[in-house]
Protein backbone atom coordinates (compact mmCIF):
# COMPACT_ATOMS: atom_id res chain seq x y z
CA MET A 1 0.00 0.00 0.00
CA ASN A 2 1.50 3.31 -1.07
CA SER A 3 0.48 5.79 1.60
CA ASN A 4 2.39 8.76 0.15
CA ILE A 5 0.65 11.66 -1.60
CA SER A 6 2.44 13.15 -4.61
CA LEU A 7 1.91 16.88 -5.03
CA GLU A 8 1.57 19.08 -8.12
CA LYS A 9 4.99 20.56 -7.54
CA ASP A 10 7.63 18.32 -9.13
CA GLY A 11 9.46 16.13 -6.68
CA CYS A 12 7.18 16.94 -3.70
CA GLU A 13 5.34 14.35 -1.68
CA LEU A 14 3.67 13.98 1.69
CA ARG A 15 4.51 10.94 3.82
CA PRO A 16 2.55 9.98 6.94
CA ALA A 17 4.40 8.99 10.12
CA TYR A 18 3.67 7.93 13.69
CA ASP A 19 6.12 8.05 16.60
CA PRO A 20 5.13 5.43 19.18
CA GLY A 21 7.55 6.84 21.76
CA GLN A 22 5.89 10.24 21.65
CA GLU A 23 2.49 8.80 20.69
CA SER A 24 2.23 11.48 18.01
CA PHE A 25 1.34 11.75 14.35
CA SER A 26 3.19 13.77 11.74
CA ILE A 27 3.31 14.30 8.00
CA GLN A 28 6.67 14.67 6.33
CA LEU A 29 7.15 16.91 3.32
CA TRP A 30 9.72 15.40 0.97
CA VAL A 31 11.22 17.38 -1.91
CA ASN A 32 13.41 15.67 -4.49
CA GLY A 33 13.99 12.65 -2.26
CA ARG A 34 14.91 14.63 0.87
CA ILE A 35 12.90 15.60 3.89
CA ALA A 36 12.17 19.34 3.75
CA ALA A 37 9.76 19.86 6.66
CA ILE A 38 7.68 17.97 9.20
CA HIS A 39 4.08 18.85 10.05
CA GLY A 40 3.90 17.88 13.70
CA LEU A 41 7.46 18.72 14.68
CA ARG A 42 6.49 21.92 16.54
CA ASP A 43 3.01 20.76 17.48
CA SER A 44 2.50 17.32 18.92
CA PHE A 45 -0.55 15.77 17.27
CA THR A 46 -1.88 12.95 19.42
CA SER A 47 -4.67 12.19 16.94
CA ALA A 48 -4.64 11.68 13.18
CA LYS A 49 -7.72 13.90 12.95
CA GLU A 50 -5.90 16.84 14.56
CA CYS A 51 -2.90 16.34 12.28
CA ILE A 52 -5.09 16.49 9.16
CA LYS A 53 -7.11 19.42 10.53
CA HIS A 54 -4.03 21.66 10.56
CA LEU A 55 -2.45 20.40 7.34
CA ASP A 56 -3.68 23.26 5.12
CA ALA A 57 -1.83 25.88 7.19
CA PHE A 58 1.37 23.81 6.98
CA MET A 59 1.00 23.48 3.21
CA SER A 60 0.44 27.22 2.85
CA ARG A 61 3.54 28.05 4.91
CA HIS A 62 5.56 25.98 2.46
CA GLY A 63 4.06 27.55 -0.66
CA LEU A 64 1.96 24.53 -1.55
CA MET A 65 -1.71 24.26 -2.46
CA SER A 66 -4.06 22.31 -0.21
CA ILE A 67 -4.72 18.71 -1.10
CA SER A 68 -8.22 17.43 -1.90
CA SER A 69 -10.60 16.00 0.70
CA THR A 70 -10.12 12.58 -0.93
CA GLU A 71 -6.35 12.86 -0.49
CA LYS A 72 -6.84 14.01 3.11
CA ALA A 73 -9.02 10.96 3.78
CA HIS A 74 -6.32 8.71 2.26
CA LEU A 75 -3.65 10.38 4.40
CA PHE A 76 -5.85 10.04 7.51
CA GLY A 77 -6.17 6.29 6.93
CA ALA A 78 -2.45 6.04 6.26
CA LEU A 79 -1.67 7.79 9.56
CA LEU A 80 -3.81 5.26 11.44
CA HIS A 81 -2.12 2.44 9.54
CA CYS A 82 1.30 3.82 10.58
CA ALA A 83 0.21 3.76 14.22
CA GLN A 84 -1.01 0.16 13.96
CA LYS A 85 2.11 -0.92 12.08
CA SER A 86 4.35 0.67 14.73
CA GLY A 87 3.27 -1.93 17.24
CA ALA A 88 1.81 0.67 19.58
CA GLN A 89 0.14 -0.99 22.56
CA LYS A 90 -3.04 1.04 22.08
CA PRO A 91 -3.00 2.56 18.58
CA PRO A 92 -5.04 5.77 18.49
CA THR A 93 -8.36 5.35 16.74
CA ARG A 94 -9.06 9.02 16.03
């Protein structure tokens, strides 16, 4: 399952992540194969819903257009999958 979202801008993609140690969700912005920024680095998102809710502001700060609601739903599911895959004792369900 490819959980990454490719963006209009060449070489840009969003990658979901979950840190079981911090119990927090994040979305990594990759540009040309390198990590450029992390949504969730400054703010600790303890739910996938909260992470997605604030994604548009992150995208805007980095000069990117918002992604569609369908892509947001895909990313939301991918965040939950990351949490489950991490082996978290109690993966968040939100």
